[in-house]
Amino acid sequence: MVFLLAVWAVFVCRPRSIAVFALCASVVLPAAALTIGTSAGLEALRQHTTADLADGGTAALTAFSGTLRSWGVEPEPLLEVLREP
């Protein structure tokens, strides 16, 4: 909705610089929030998964990889990421 309002403001407003700034902000800020949120979420997922697997030992890692295989996901790339410090 903000994006549509900013586009409308570019055509209607006389000092277009503020409207263009609002248009750019309505595109850049959500993209930045998505990037930062995804990055932080993936890092938290990696940390919690690593901690849970460390608590469970080898049996948990085997069960986890078996579950991923049953879903059709190849677990080796993920396990490489989990093994990184």
PDB file of N, CA and C in Angstrom:
ATOM      1  N   MET A   1       0.817  -1.182   0.000  1.00  0.00           N
ATOM      2  CA  MET A   1       0.000   0.000   0.000  1.00  0.00           C
ATOM      3  C   MET A   1       0.868   1.255   0.000  1.00  0.00           C
ATOM      4  N   VAL A   2       1.933   1.228   0.773  1.00  0.00           N
ATOM      5  CA  VAL A   2       2.831   2.379   0.832  1.00  0.00           C
ATOM      6  C   VAL A   2       3.484   2.592  -0.525  1.00  0.00           C
ATOM      7  N   PHE A   3       3.817   1.481  -1.194  1.00  0.00           N
ATOM      8  CA  PHE A   3       4.439   1.575  -2.519  1.00  0.00           C
ATOM      9  C   PHE A   3       3.490   2.270  -3.502  1.00  0.00           C
ATOM     10  N   LEU A   4       2.222   1.891  -3.499  1.00  0.00           N
ATOM     11  CA  LEU A   4       1.257   2.516  -4.410  1.00  0.00           C
ATOM     12  C   LEU A   4       1.061   3.995  -4.094  1.00  0.00           C
ATOM     13  N   LEU A   5       1.039   4.323  -2.823  1.00  0.00           N
ATOM     14  CA  LEU A   5       0.917   5.726  -2.424  1.00  0.00           C
ATOM     15  C   LEU A   5       2.141   6.524  -2.871  1.00  0.00           C
ATOM     16  N   ALA A   6       3.320   5.921  -2.776  1.00  0.00           N
ATOM     17  CA  ALA A   6       4.542   6.606  -3.199  1.00  0.00           C
ATOM     18  C   ALA A   6       4.565   6.808  -4.718  1.00  0.00           C
ATOM     19  N   VAL A   7       4.088   5.832  -5.470  1.00  0.00           N
ATOM     20  CA  VAL A   7       4.015   5.988  -6.932  1.00  0.00           C
ATOM     21  C   VAL A   7       3.036   7.100  -7.277  1.00  0.00           C
ATOM     22  N   TRP A   8       1.890   7.106  -6.623  1.00  0.00           N
ATOM     23  CA  TRP A   8       0.910   8.157  -6.868  1.00  0.00           C
ATOM     24  C   TRP A   8       1.497   9.527  -6.523  1.00  0.00           C
ATOM     25  N   ALA A   9       2.245   9.623  -5.445  1.00  0.00           N
ATOM     26  CA  ALA A   9       2.825  10.900  -5.015  1.00  0.00           C
ATOM     27  C   ALA A   9       3.855  11.417  -6.016  1.00  0.00           C
ATOM     28  N   VAL A  10       4.574  10.521  -6.692  1.00  0.00           N
ATOM     29  CA  VAL A  10       5.566  10.954  -7.684  1.00  0.00           C
ATOM     30  C   VAL A  10       4.879  11.717  -8.803  1.00  0.00           C
ATOM     31  N   PHE A  11       3.685  11.296  -9.181  1.00  0.00           N
ATOM     32  CA  PHE A  11       2.977  11.955 -10.286  1.00  0.00           C
ATOM     33  C   PHE A  11       2.196  13.191  -9.842  1.00  0.00           C
ATOM     34  N   VAL A  12       1.775  13.235  -8.598  1.00  0.00           N
ATOM     35  CA  VAL A  12       0.908  14.324  -8.138  1.00  0.00           C
ATOM     36  C   VAL A  12       1.686  15.467  -7.495  1.00  0.00           C
ATOM     37  N   CYS A  13       2.682  15.160  -6.698  1.00  0.00           N
ATOM     38  CA  CYS A  13       3.390  16.182  -5.926  1.00  0.00           C
ATOM     39  C   CYS A  13       4.296  17.030  -6.801  1.00  0.00           C
ATOM     40  N   ARG A  14       4.421  18.313  -6.402  1.00  0.00           N
ATOM     41  CA  ARG A  14       5.307  19.206  -7.128  1.00  0.00           C
ATOM     42  C   ARG A  14       6.771  19.027  -6.714  1.00  0.00           C
ATOM     43  N   PRO A  15       7.101  19.092  -5.457  1.00  0.00           N
ATOM     44  CA  PRO A  15       8.498  18.778  -5.128  1.00  0.00           C
ATOM     45  C   PRO A  15       8.678  17.259  -5.166  1.00  0.00           C
ATOM     46  N   ARG A  16       9.012  16.761  -6.339  1.00  0.00           N
ATOM     47  CA  ARG A  16       9.046  15.311  -6.562  1.00  0.00           C
ATOM     48  C   ARG A  16      10.191  14.612  -5.826  1.00  0.00           C
ATOM     49  N   SER A  17      11.152  15.376  -5.368  1.00  0.00           N
ATOM     50  CA  SER A  17      12.296  14.731  -4.715  1.00  0.00           C
ATOM     51  C   SER A  17      11.882  13.963  -3.459  1.00  0.00           C
ATOM     52  N   ILE A  18      10.973  14.530  -2.671  1.00  0.00           N
ATOM     53  CA  ILE A  18      10.506  13.846  -1.476  1.00  0.00           C
ATOM     54  C   ILE A  18       9.695  12.612  -1.856  1.00  0.00           C
ATOM     55  N   ALA A  19       8.877  12.723  -2.889  1.00  0.00           N
ATOM     56  CA  ALA A  19       8.073  11.586  -3.331  1.00  0.00           C
ATOM     57  C   ALA A  19       8.961  10.475  -3.891  1.00  0.00           C
ATOM     58  N   VAL A  20       9.995  10.834  -4.626  1.00  0.00           N
ATOM     59  CA  VAL A  20      10.925   9.826  -5.151  1.00  0.00           C
ATOM     60  C   VAL A  20      11.676   9.163  -4.008  1.00  0.00           C
ATOM     61  N   PHE A  21      12.048   9.937  -3.003  1.00  0.00           N
ATOM     62  CA  PHE A  21      12.701   9.368  -1.825  1.00  0.00           C
ATOM     63  C   PHE A  21      11.767   8.374  -1.123  1.00  0.00           C
ATOM     64  N   ALA A  22      10.508   8.723  -0.986  1.00  0.00           N
ATOM     65  CA  ALA A  22       9.538   7.814  -0.360  1.00  0.00           C
ATOM     66  C   ALA A  22       9.351   6.557  -1.201  1.00  0.00           C
ATOM     67  N   LEU A  23       9.360   6.704  -2.510  1.00  0.00           N
ATOM     68  CA  LEU A  23       9.236   5.548  -3.397  1.00  0.00           C
ATOM     69  C   LEU A  23      10.428   4.608  -3.245  1.00  0.00           C
ATOM     70  N   CYS A  24      11.616   5.174  -3.216  1.00  0.00           N
ATOM     71  CA  CYS A  24      12.829   4.358  -3.024  1.00  0.00           C
ATOM     72  C   CYS A  24      12.820   3.673  -1.656  1.00  0.00           C
ATOM     73  N   ALA A  25      12.420   4.400  -0.631  1.00  0.00           N
ATOM     74  CA  ALA A  25      12.376   3.832   0.714  1.00  0.00           C
ATOM     75  C   ALA A  25      11.354   2.709   0.814  1.00  0.00           C
ATOM     76  N   SER A  26      10.243   2.828   0.080  1.00  0.00           N
ATOM     77  CA  SER A  26       9.216   1.785   0.149  1.00  0.00           C
ATOM     78  C   SER A  26       9.670   0.498  -0.534  1.00  0.00           C
ATOM     79  N   VAL A  27      10.703   0.566  -1.351  1.00  0.00           N
ATOM     80  CA  VAL A  27      11.246  -0.631  -1.995  1.00  0.00           C
ATOM     81  C   VAL A  27      12.467  -1.140  -1.229  1.00  0.00           C
ATOM     82  N   VAL A  28      13.363  -0.230  -0.847  1.00  0.00           N
ATOM     83  CA  VAL A  28      14.639  -0.620  -0.250  1.00  0.00           C
ATOM     84  C   VAL A  28      14.474  -1.123   1.183  1.00  0.00           C
ATOM     85  N   LEU A  29      13.696  -0.448   1.988  1.00  0.00           N
ATOM     86  CA  LEU A  29      13.570  -0.831   3.396  1.00  0.00           C
ATOM     87  C   LEU A  29      12.960  -2.220   3.600  1.00  0.00           C
ATOM     88  N   PRO A  30      11.876  -2.581   2.905  1.00  0.00           N
ATOM     89  CA  PRO A  30      11.377  -3.953   3.072  1.00  0.00           C
ATOM     90  C   PRO A  30      12.369  -5.005   2.568  1.00  0.00           C
ATOM     91  N   ALA A  31      13.075  -4.707   1.486  1.00  0.00           N
ATOM     92  CA  ALA A  31      14.074  -5.656   0.987  1.00  0.00           C
ATOM     93  C   ALA A  31      15.205  -5.828   1.996  1.00  0.00           C
ATOM     94  N   ALA A  32      15.635  -4.749   2.608  1.00  0.00           N
ATOM     95  CA  ALA A  32      16.686  -4.828   3.622  1.00  0.00           C
ATOM     96  C   ALA A  32      16.192  -5.591   4.849  1.00  0.00           C
ATOM     97  N   ALA A  33      14.962  -5.341   5.260  1.00  0.00           N
ATOM     98  CA  ALA A  33      14.399  -6.057   6.414  1.00  0.00           C
ATOM     99  C   ALA A  33      14.284  -7.553   6.123  1.00  0.00           C
ATOM    100  N   LEU A  34      13.892  -7.900   4.908  1.00  0.00           N
ATOM    101  CA  LEU A  34      13.805  -9.310   4.530  1.00  0.00           C
ATOM    102  C   LEU A  34      15.178  -9.972   4.563  1.00  0.00           C
ATOM    103  N   THR A  35      16.176  -9.292   4.043  1.00  0.00           N
ATOM    104  CA  THR A  35      17.530  -9.835   4.019  1.00  0.00           C
ATOM    105  C   THR A  35      18.086 -10.015   5.423  1.00  0.00           C
ATOM    106  N   ILE A  36      17.960  -9.001   6.239  1.00  0.00           N
ATOM    107  CA  ILE A  36      18.485  -9.067   7.607  1.00  0.00           C
ATOM    108  C   ILE A  36      17.728 -10.112   8.419  1.00  0.00           C
ATOM    109  N   GLY A  37      16.414 -10.146   8.297  1.00  0.00           N
ATOM    110  CA  GLY A  37      15.615 -11.116   9.033  1.00  0.00           C
ATOM    111  C   GLY A  37      15.910 -12.550   8.628  1.00  0.00           C
ATOM    112  N   THR A  38      16.075 -12.784   7.324  1.00  0.00           N
ATOM    113  CA  THR A  38      16.407 -14.126   6.855  1.00  0.00           C
ATOM    114  C   THR A  38      17.774 -14.553   7.343  1.00  0.00           C
ATOM    115  N   SER A  39      18.734 -13.646   7.270  1.00  0.00           N
ATOM    116  CA  SER A  39      20.085 -13.959   7.727  1.00  0.00           C
ATOM    117  C   SER A  39      20.110 -14.287   9.221  1.00  0.00           C
ATOM    118  N   ALA A  40      19.446 -13.470  10.009  1.00  0.00           N
ATOM    119  CA  ALA A  40      19.413 -13.710  11.456  1.00  0.00           C
ATOM    120  C   ALA A  40      18.656 -14.991  11.785  1.00  0.00           C
ATOM    121  N   GLY A  41      17.573 -15.253  11.085  1.00  0.00           N
ATOM    122  CA  GLY A  41      16.800 -16.464  11.320  1.00  0.00           C
ATOM    123  C   GLY A  41      17.561 -17.724  10.968  1.00  0.00           C
ATOM    124  N   LEU A  42      18.285 -17.697   9.851  1.00  0.00           N
ATOM    125  CA  LEU A  42      19.075 -18.860   9.461  1.00  0.00           C
ATOM    126  C   LEU A  42      20.211 -19.117  10.445  1.00  0.00           C
ATOM    127  N   GLU A  43      20.822 -18.062  10.923  1.00  0.00           N
ATOM    128  CA  GLU A  43      21.899 -18.223  11.909  1.00  0.00           C
ATOM    129  C   GLU A  43      21.354 -18.799  13.215  1.00  0.00           C
ATOM    130  N   ALA A  44      20.195 -18.312  13.657  1.00  0.00           N
ATOM    131  CA  ALA A  44      19.586 -18.846  14.883  1.00  0.00           C
ATOM    132  C   ALA A  44      19.183 -20.306  14.693  1.00  0.00           C
ATOM    133  N   LEU A  45      18.653 -20.643  13.525  1.00  0.00           N
ATOM    134  CA  LEU A  45      18.298 -22.031  13.239  1.00  0.00           C
ATOM    135  C   LEU A  45      19.530 -22.922  13.267  1.00  0.00           C
ATOM    136  N   ARG A  46      20.627 -22.445  12.688  1.00  0.00           N
ATOM    137  CA  ARG A  46      21.854 -23.231  12.683  1.00  0.00           C
ATOM    138  C   ARG A  46      22.363 -23.453  14.106  1.00  0.00           C
ATOM    139  N   GLN A  47      22.366 -22.400  14.917  1.00  0.00           N
ATOM    140  CA  GLN A  47      22.859 -22.517  16.281  1.00  0.00           C
ATOM    141  C   GLN A  47      21.996 -23.465  17.119  1.00  0.00           C
ATOM    142  N   HIS A  48      20.675 -23.324  17.013  1.00  0.00           N
ATOM    143  CA  HIS A  48      19.784 -24.173  17.809  1.00  0.00           C
ATOM    144  C   HIS A  48      19.825 -25.623  17.338  1.00  0.00           C
ATOM    145  N   THR A  49      19.905 -25.826  16.024  1.00  0.00           N
ATOM    146  CA  THR A  49      19.986 -27.191  15.509  1.00  0.00           C
ATOM    147  C   THR A  49      21.289 -27.845  15.942  1.00  0.00           C
ATOM    148  N   THR A  50      22.384 -27.084  15.866  1.00  0.00           N
ATOM    149  CA  THR A  50      23.674 -27.617  16.291  1.00  0.00           C
ATOM    150  C   THR A  50      23.652 -27.968  17.776  1.00  0.00           C
ATOM    151  N   ALA A  51      23.075 -27.108  18.582  1.00  0.00           N
ATOM    152  CA  ALA A  51      23.006 -27.369  20.028  1.00  0.00           C
ATOM    153  C   ALA A  51      22.129 -28.585  20.327  1.00  0.00           C
ATOM    154  N   ASP A  52      21.001 -28.695  19.650  1.00  0.00           N
ATOM    155  CA  ASP A  52      20.118 -29.842  19.867  1.00  0.00           C
ATOM    156  C   ASP A  52      20.777 -31.147  19.439  1.00  0.00           C
ATOM    157  N   LEU A  53      21.480 -31.108  18.305  1.00  0.00           N
ATOM    158  CA  LEU A  53      22.153 -32.317  17.841  1.00  0.00           C
ATOM    159  C   LEU A  53      23.327 -32.678  18.742  1.00  0.00           C
ATOM    160  N   ALA A  54      24.004 -31.670  19.282  1.00  0.00           N
ATOM    161  CA  ALA A  54      25.115 -31.940  20.195  1.00  0.00           C
ATOM    162  C   ALA A  54      24.604 -32.578  21.494  1.00  0.00           C
ATOM    163  N   ASP A  55      23.454 -32.138  21.953  1.00  0.00           N
ATOM    164  CA  ASP A  55      22.868 -32.713  23.165  1.00  0.00           C
ATOM    165  C   ASP A  55      22.435 -34.160  22.947  1.00  0.00           C
ATOM    166  N   GLY A  56      21.952 -34.447  21.755  1.00  0.00           N
ATOM    167  CA  GLY A  56      21.450 -35.785  21.477  1.00  0.00           C
ATOM    168  C   GLY A  56      22.514 -36.777  21.059  1.00  0.00           C
ATOM    169  N   GLY A  57      23.674 -36.296  20.654  1.00  0.00           N
ATOM    170  CA  GLY A  57      24.760 -37.183  20.252  1.00  0.00           C
ATOM    171  C   GLY A  57      24.572 -37.737  18.848  1.00  0.00           C
ATOM    172  N   THR A  58      25.227 -38.842  18.577  1.00  0.00           N
ATOM    173  CA  THR A  58      25.249 -39.431  17.240  1.00  0.00           C
ATOM    174  C   THR A  58      23.881 -39.965  16.841  1.00  0.00           C
ATOM    175  N   ALA A  59      23.120 -40.473  17.792  1.00  0.00           N
ATOM    176  CA  ALA A  59      21.792 -41.005  17.482  1.00  0.00           C
ATOM    177  C   ALA A  59      20.870 -39.905  16.958  1.00  0.00           C
ATOM    178  N   ALA A  60      20.978 -38.719  17.527  1.00  0.00           N
ATOM    179  CA  ALA A  60      20.145 -37.604  17.075  1.00  0.00           C
ATOM    180  C   ALA A  60      20.525 -37.188  15.661  1.00  0.00           C
ATOM    181  N   LEU A  61      21.818 -37.181  15.366  1.00  0.00           N
ATOM    182  CA  LEU A  61      22.270 -36.817  14.028  1.00  0.00           C
ATOM    183  C   LEU A  61      21.790 -37.833  12.998  1.00  0.00           C
ATOM    184  N   THR A  62      21.835 -39.104  13.337  1.00  0.00           N
ATOM    185  CA  THR A  62      21.353 -40.151  12.441  1.00  0.00           C
ATOM    186  C   THR A  62      19.847 -40.042  12.221  1.00  0.00           C
ATOM    187  N   ALA A  63      19.120 -39.790  13.279  1.00  0.00           N
ATOM    188  CA  ALA A  63      17.664 -39.633  13.165  1.00  0.00           C
ATOM    189  C   ALA A  63      17.308 -38.396  12.354  1.00  0.00           C
ATOM    190  N   PHE A  64      18.070 -37.321  12.567  1.00  0.00           N
ATOM    191  CA  PHE A  64      17.830 -36.082  11.831  1.00  0.00           C
ATOM    192  C   PHE A  64      18.065 -36.279  10.346  1.00  0.00           C
ATOM    193  N   SER A  65      19.161 -36.918   9.976  1.00  0.00           N
ATOM    194  CA  SER A  65      19.441 -37.138   8.557  1.00  0.00           C
ATOM    195  C   SER A  65      18.428 -38.109   7.952  1.00  0.00           C
ATOM    196  N   GLY A  66      17.959 -39.103   8.736  1.00  0.00           N
ATOM    197  CA  GLY A  66      16.919 -40.006   8.244  1.00  0.00           C
ATOM    198  C   GLY A  66      15.609 -39.294   7.984  1.00  0.00           C
ATOM    199  N   THR A  67      15.270 -38.363   8.860  1.00  0.00           N
ATOM    200  CA  THR A  67      14.048 -37.572   8.672  1.00  0.00           C
ATOM    201  C   THR A  67      14.151 -36.720   7.419  1.00  0.00           C
ATOM    202  N   LEU A  68      15.294 -36.089   7.216  1.00  0.00           N
ATOM    203  CA  LEU A  68      15.474 -35.281   6.016  1.00  0.00           C
ATOM    204  C   LEU A  68      15.371 -36.134   4.759  1.00  0.00           C
ATOM    205  N   ARG A  69      15.970 -37.309   4.786  1.00  0.00           N
ATOM    206  CA  ARG A  69      15.891 -38.207   3.617  1.00  0.00           C
ATOM    207  C   ARG A  69      14.451 -38.633   3.350  1.00  0.00           C
ATOM    208  N   SER A  70      13.671 -38.855   4.397  1.00  0.00           N
ATOM    209  CA  SER A  70      12.270 -39.246   4.202  1.00  0.00           C
ATOM    210  C   SER A  70      11.451 -38.121   3.577  1.00  0.00           C
ATOM    211  N   TRP A  71      11.874 -36.882   3.793  1.00  0.00           N
ATOM    212  CA  TRP A  71      11.212 -35.733   3.172  1.00  0.00           C
ATOM    213  C   TRP A  71      11.711 -35.477   1.765  1.00  0.00           C
ATOM    214  N   GLY A  72      12.721 -36.223   1.322  1.00  0.00           N
ATOM    215  CA  GLY A  72      13.271 -36.033  -0.008  1.00  0.00           C
ATOM    216  C   GLY A  72      14.368 -34.990  -0.074  1.00  0.00           C
ATOM    217  N   VAL A  73      14.941 -34.646   1.073  1.00  0.00           N
ATOM    218  CA  VAL A  73      16.006 -33.656   1.131  1.00  0.00           C
ATOM    219  C   VAL A  73      17.321 -34.381   1.375  1.00  0.00           C
ATOM    220  N   GLU A  74      18.330 -34.050   0.584  1.00  0.00           N
ATOM    221  CA  GLU A  74      19.652 -34.652   0.769  1.00  0.00           C
ATOM    222  C   GLU A  74      20.346 -33.932   1.930  1.00  0.00           C
ATOM    223  N   PRO A  75      20.657 -34.615   3.029  1.00  0.00           N
ATOM    224  CA  PRO A  75      21.134 -33.937   4.240  1.00  0.00           C
ATOM    225  C   PRO A  75      22.622 -33.580   4.231  1.00  0.00           C
ATOM    226  N   GLU A  76      23.415 -34.114   3.323  1.00  0.00           N
ATOM    227  CA  GLU A  76      24.862 -33.884   3.391  1.00  0.00           C
ATOM    228  C   GLU A  76      25.256 -32.403   3.352  1.00  0.00           C
ATOM    229  N   PRO A  77      24.701 -31.567   2.430  1.00  0.00           N
ATOM    230  CA  PRO A  77      25.086 -30.142   2.475  1.00  0.00           C
ATOM    231  C   PRO A  77      24.729 -29.466   3.797  1.00  0.00           C
ATOM    232  N   LEU A  78      23.588 -29.812   4.357  1.00  0.00           N
ATOM    233  CA  LEU A  78      23.200 -29.218   5.636  1.00  0.00           C
ATOM    234  C   LEU A  78      24.102 -29.697   6.755  1.00  0.00           C
ATOM    235  N   LEU A  79      24.457 -30.956   6.732  1.00  0.00           N
ATOM    236  CA  LEU A  79      25.335 -31.476   7.774  1.00  0.00           C
ATOM    237  C   LEU A  79      26.716 -30.839   7.709  1.00  0.00           C
ATOM    238  N   GLU A  80      27.176 -30.507   6.503  1.00  0.00           N
ATOM    239  CA  GLU A  80      28.461 -29.787   6.378  1.00  0.00           C
ATOM    240  C   GLU A  80      28.367 -28.421   7.040  1.00  0.00           C
ATOM    241  N   VAL A  81      27.245 -27.741   6.865  1.00  0.00           N
ATOM    242  CA  VAL A  81      27.073 -26.421   7.496  1.00  0.00           C
ATOM    243  C   VAL A  81      27.021 -26.562   9.007  1.00  0.00           C
ATOM    244  N   LEU A  82      26.353 -27.611   9.496  1.00  0.00           N
ATOM    245  CA  LEU A  82      26.242 -27.801  10.942  1.00  0.00           C
ATOM    246  C   LEU A  82      27.580 -28.149  11.571  1.00  0.00           C
ATOM    247  N   ARG A  83      28.468 -28.752  10.815  1.00  0.00           N
ATOM    248  CA  ARG A  83      29.776 -29.131  11.358  1.00  0.00           C
ATOM    249  C   ARG A  83      30.727 -27.951  11.452  1.00  0.00           C
ATOM    250  N   GLU A  84      30.433 -26.863  10.717  1.00  0.00           N
ATOM    251  CA  GLU A  84      31.312 -25.678  10.776  1.00  0.00           C
ATOM    252  C   GLU A  84      31.209 -25.059  12.161  1.00  0.00           C
ATOM    253  N   PRO A  85      32.310 -24.453  12.646  1.00  0.00           N
ATOM    254  CA  PRO A  85      32.253 -23.838  13.987  1.00  0.00           C
ATOM    255  C   PRO A  85      31.410 -22.588  14.028  1.00  0.00           C
TER     256      PRO A  85
END
